[in-house]
């Protein structure tokens, strides 16, 4: 849910940003389910990519910085993974392997 709500609060205009360029799920190696969520928003600057999963990191005036951090911790506690690839000015893809 945090991934979708972050699209709405990003700096780009909602008229030009899709909530999801694509959202897909597939099976990897018969043992992992992969969920990918992509948008065509502004992307995330390289300097911020290492920080977005840190507790209390936020770029929003009223953000708590807990959403992505907590989501990542839950995924890691289940011995799974979440990754992000982003190109500033082009969009972002989150990949969750379960």
Protein backbone atom coordinates (compact mmCIF):
# COMPACT_ATOMS: atom_id res chain seq x y z
CA UNK A 1 0.00 0.00 0.00
CA UNK A 2 2.85 2.37 0.78
CA UNK A 3 4.19 1.96 -2.76
CA UNK A 4 0.89 3.16 -4.21
CA UNK A 5 0.38 6.01 -1.73
CA UNK A 6 3.87 7.33 -2.46
CA UNK A 7 2.89 7.78 -6.10
CA UNK A 8 0.06 10.11 -5.06
CA UNK A 9 2.32 12.23 -2.86
CA UNK A 10 5.30 12.47 -5.20
CA UNK A 11 6.37 15.73 -6.76
CA UNK A 12 5.09 14.96 -10.25
CA UNK A 13 1.69 15.99 -11.51
CA UNK A 14 -0.89 13.23 -11.15
CA UNK A 15 -2.21 14.07 -14.58
CA UNK A 16 1.03 12.79 -16.11
CA UNK A 17 1.90 9.97 -13.70
CA UNK A 18 0.20 6.60 -13.79
CA UNK A 19 -0.24 4.77 -10.49
CA UNK A 20 1.27 1.79 -12.17
CA UNK A 21 2.95 1.57 -15.52
CA UNK A 22 2.57 -2.11 -14.82
CA UNK A 23 2.01 -4.43 -11.90
CA UNK A 24 2.78 -8.06 -12.51
CA UNK A 25 3.31 -11.26 -10.60
CA UNK A 26 5.17 -14.33 -11.78
CA UNK A 27 6.85 -17.46 -10.42
CA UNK A 28 10.64 -17.61 -10.39
CA UNK A 29 12.46 -20.95 -10.18
CA UNK A 30 9.29 -22.73 -8.98
CA UNK A 31 9.94 -21.46 -5.47
CA UNK A 32 9.62 -17.68 -5.48
CA UNK A 33 6.74 -15.40 -6.36
CA UNK A 34 7.87 -12.08 -7.77
CA UNK A 35 5.72 -8.95 -7.63
CA UNK A 36 6.82 -5.91 -9.63
CA UNK A 37 5.19 -2.50 -9.41
CA UNK A 38 6.33 0.22 -11.80
CA UNK A 39 5.39 3.83 -12.35
CA UNK A 40 6.25 6.49 -14.86
CA UNK A 41 6.73 9.26 -12.29
CA UNK A 42 9.75 11.42 -11.62
CA UNK A 43 11.89 8.56 -10.37
CA UNK A 44 14.15 8.70 -7.33
CA UNK A 45 17.44 10.55 -7.30
CA UNK A 46 20.49 8.29 -6.89
CA UNK A 47 21.48 10.04 -3.69
CA UNK A 48 18.14 9.07 -2.12
CA UNK A 49 17.97 5.45 -3.30
CA UNK A 50 20.13 4.24 -0.41
CA UNK A 51 17.98 6.12 2.08
CA UNK A 52 14.38 5.32 1.12
CA UNK A 53 14.20 2.19 3.28
CA UNK A 54 15.79 3.88 6.33
CA UNK A 55 13.53 4.36 9.34
CA UNK A 56 12.07 7.87 9.54
CA UNK A 57 13.48 8.97 6.16
CA UNK A 58 10.92 11.04 4.31
CA UNK A 59 10.77 13.81 1.75
CA UNK A 60 7.18 14.72 2.65
CA UNK A 61 6.17 17.52 4.99
CA UNK A 62 3.72 15.29 6.83
CA UNK A 63 5.40 11.94 6.24
CA UNK A 64 6.60 9.71 9.05
CA UNK A 65 9.17 7.73 7.06
CA UNK A 66 7.87 4.48 8.49
CA UNK A 67 6.01 2.91 5.52
CA UNK A 68 8.81 1.62 3.30
CA UNK A 69 11.03 0.86 6.28
CA UNK A 70 8.38 -1.22 8.04
CA UNK A 71 7.35 -2.97 4.82
CA UNK A 72 10.97 -3.90 4.12
CA UNK A 73 11.46 -5.20 7.66
CA UNK A 74 8.40 -7.43 7.39
CA UNK A 75 9.63 -8.80 4.07
CA UNK A 76 13.15 -9.40 5.45
CA UNK A 77 11.77 -11.14 8.58
CA UNK A 78 10.20 -13.66 6.21
CA UNK A 79 13.64 -14.14 4.61
CA UNK A 80 12.44 -12.53 1.40
CA UNK A 81 13.60 -9.42 -0.50
CA UNK A 82 12.51 -6.05 -1.85
CA UNK A 83 14.56 -4.04 -4.33
CA UNK A 84 14.12 -0.77 -6.14
CA UNK A 85 15.42 0.37 -9.50
CA UNK A 86 14.83 3.94 -10.53
CA UNK A 87 15.87 6.34 -13.24
CA UNK A 88 15.48 9.95 -12.27
CA UNK A 89 13.01 11.55 -14.65
CA UNK A 90 11.72 8.23 -15.98
CA UNK A 91 10.14 6.19 -13.19
CA UNK A 92 10.66 3.51 -10.59
CA UNK A 93 10.24 -0.26 -10.32
CA UNK A 94 9.90 -2.06 -6.98
CA UNK A 95 10.52 -5.82 -7.06
CA UNK A 96 9.39 -8.00 -4.18
CA UNK A 97 10.44 -11.66 -4.08
CA UNK A 98 8.35 -13.88 -1.80
